Amino acid sequence: MALEGIYDIQVGFDEHDQRYLLNERSLFAKSVEQLNPLDKVLLKLFAKDWSKGLYTDETKSVLESELGKRPSNPLIGAALTRLTEQDLIYNESRGVWLVADPSLKSFMSEK
């Protein structure tokens, strides 16, 4: 920090923190951009603590309104598999899916 002309520890910390957050959000944006549309919508639901069953008519209606078509059960299952394999979500218990990274959860809940 001294090389950048920052000698106050709090100012240095605040600037570093801001740069870190911007970089992290940029990485999240790039990762999310590459996801399948269904994967993005499910990740957004999980970030907002969606507590309904994923295969229910209510959930499928929400997915349909976001995607323009109603996904089938196998498509939802495949999306869960992809998101899990990418370590973006995990299954806490039967029917309970959580976003693996709290920072990613915060980023997605803002979308």
Protein backbone atom coordinates (compact mmCIF):
# COMPACT_ATOMS: atom_id res chain seq x y z
CA MET A 1 0.00 0.00 0.00
CA ALA A 2 2.87 2.35 0.73
CA LEU A 3 3.97 1.93 -2.88
CA GLU A 4 0.60 3.36 -3.92
CA GLY A 5 0.97 6.32 -1.58
CA ILE A 6 -1.47 4.97 1.01
CA TYR A 7 -0.07 5.18 4.53
CA ASP A 8 -3.23 5.03 6.64
CA ILE A 9 -4.06 1.40 7.44
CA GLN A 10 -7.83 1.92 7.42
CA VAL A 11 -7.77 3.76 4.09
CA GLY A 12 -5.59 0.98 2.66
CA PHE A 13 -7.89 -1.70 3.98
CA ASP A 14 -11.00 0.04 2.61
CA GLU A 15 -9.44 0.47 -0.83
CA HIS A 16 -8.22 -3.13 -0.92
CA ASP A 17 -11.64 -4.34 0.21
CA GLN A 18 -13.37 -2.39 -2.57
CA ARG A 19 -10.99 -3.70 -5.24
CA TYR A 20 -11.44 -7.25 -3.94
CA LEU A 21 -15.25 -6.97 -4.04
CA LEU A 22 -15.22 -5.55 -7.57
CA ASN A 23 -12.93 -8.32 -8.77
CA GLU A 24 -15.03 -10.99 -7.05
CA ARG A 25 -18.26 -9.65 -8.56
CA SER A 26 -16.65 -9.55 -11.98
CA LEU A 27 -15.67 -13.21 -11.65
CA PHE A 28 -19.18 -14.13 -10.50
CA ALA A 29 -20.71 -12.25 -13.43
CA LYS A 30 -18.49 -14.13 -15.90
CA SER A 31 -19.29 -17.49 -14.30
CA VAL A 32 -23.03 -16.87 -14.20
CA GLU A 33 -23.03 -15.59 -17.79
CA GLN A 34 -21.78 -19.00 -18.95
CA LEU A 35 -24.55 -20.94 -17.21
CA ASN A 36 -27.51 -22.54 -18.91
CA PRO A 37 -30.64 -20.30 -18.58
CA LEU A 38 -32.40 -22.83 -16.34
CA ASP A 39 -29.30 -23.09 -14.15
CA LYS A 40 -29.22 -19.29 -13.75
CA VAL A 41 -32.87 -19.13 -12.70
CA LEU A 42 -32.49 -21.98 -10.21
CA LEU A 43 -29.36 -20.40 -8.75
CA LYS A 44 -31.26 -17.14 -8.35
CA LEU A 45 -34.12 -18.96 -6.58
CA PHE A 46 -31.70 -20.69 -4.21
CA ALA A 47 -30.01 -17.35 -3.48
CA LYS A 48 -33.39 -15.97 -2.44
CA ASP A 49 -33.96 -18.97 -0.10
CA TRP A 50 -36.65 -20.64 -2.22
CA SER A 51 -38.31 -23.14 0.09
CA LYS A 52 -40.88 -24.72 -2.23
CA GLY A 53 -40.32 -28.13 -3.76
CA LEU A 54 -38.47 -27.91 -7.07
CA TYR A 55 -40.82 -30.23 -8.91
CA THR A 56 -44.04 -28.55 -7.77
CA ASP A 57 -46.40 -26.69 -10.08
CA GLU A 58 -45.66 -23.45 -8.22
CA THR A 59 -41.93 -23.71 -8.86
CA LYS A 60 -42.44 -24.78 -12.45
CA SER A 61 -44.72 -21.77 -12.98
CA VAL A 62 -42.00 -19.44 -11.68
CA LEU A 63 -39.45 -21.12 -13.94
CA GLU A 64 -41.85 -20.89 -16.89
CA SER A 65 -42.38 -17.16 -16.31
CA GLU A 66 -38.60 -16.61 -16.27
CA LEU A 67 -37.72 -18.93 -19.16
CA GLY A 68 -40.77 -18.75 -21.39
CA LYS A 69 -41.31 -22.52 -21.26
CA ARG A 70 -42.14 -25.00 -18.54
CA PRO A 71 -39.17 -27.25 -17.70
CA SER A 72 -39.69 -30.97 -17.21
CA ASN A 73 -38.56 -32.87 -14.13
CA PRO A 74 -35.54 -34.39 -15.96
CA LEU A 75 -34.42 -30.91 -17.06
CA ILE A 76 -34.63 -29.62 -13.49
CA GLY A 77 -32.69 -32.65 -12.25
CA ALA A 78 -30.01 -32.14 -14.90
CA ALA A 79 -29.68 -28.48 -13.88
CA LEU A 80 -29.24 -29.49 -10.24
CA THR A 81 -26.54 -31.95 -11.27
CA ARG A 82 -24.69 -29.31 -13.31
CA LEU A 83 -24.85 -26.73 -10.52
CA THR A 84 -23.67 -29.31 -7.96
CA GLU A 85 -20.80 -30.49 -10.16
CA GLN A 86 -19.65 -26.87 -10.51
CA ASP A 87 -19.75 -26.52 -6.70
CA LEU A 88 -22.25 -23.67 -6.95
CA ILE A 89 -24.90 -25.38 -4.81
CA TYR A 90 -25.13 -28.27 -2.40
CA ASN A 91 -27.91 -30.39 -0.98
CA GLU A 92 -28.21 -29.71 2.75
CA SER A 93 -31.00 -32.24 3.22
CA ARG A 94 -33.78 -33.82 1.22
CA GLY A 95 -35.22 -31.09 -0.99
CA VAL A 96 -33.10 -28.33 0.57
CA TRP A 97 -30.59 -26.77 -1.82
CA LEU A 98 -28.23 -23.99 -0.78
CA VAL A 99 -25.78 -21.74 -2.61
CA ALA A 100 -22.30 -22.93 -1.67
CA ASP A 101 -20.60 -19.53 -1.47
CA PRO A 102 -22.18 -16.77 0.68
CA SER A 103 -20.67 -14.10 -1.59
CA LEU A 104 -22.20 -15.73 -4.66
CA LYS A 105 -25.53 -15.95 -2.82
CA SER A 106 -25.37 -12.23 -2.11
CA PHE A 107 -24.46 -11.47 -5.73
CA MET A 108 -27.29 -13.62 -7.12
CA SER A 109 -29.93 -12.32 -4.71
CA GLU A 110 -29.31 -8.83 -6.09
CA LYS A 111 -30.10 -9.96 -9.64
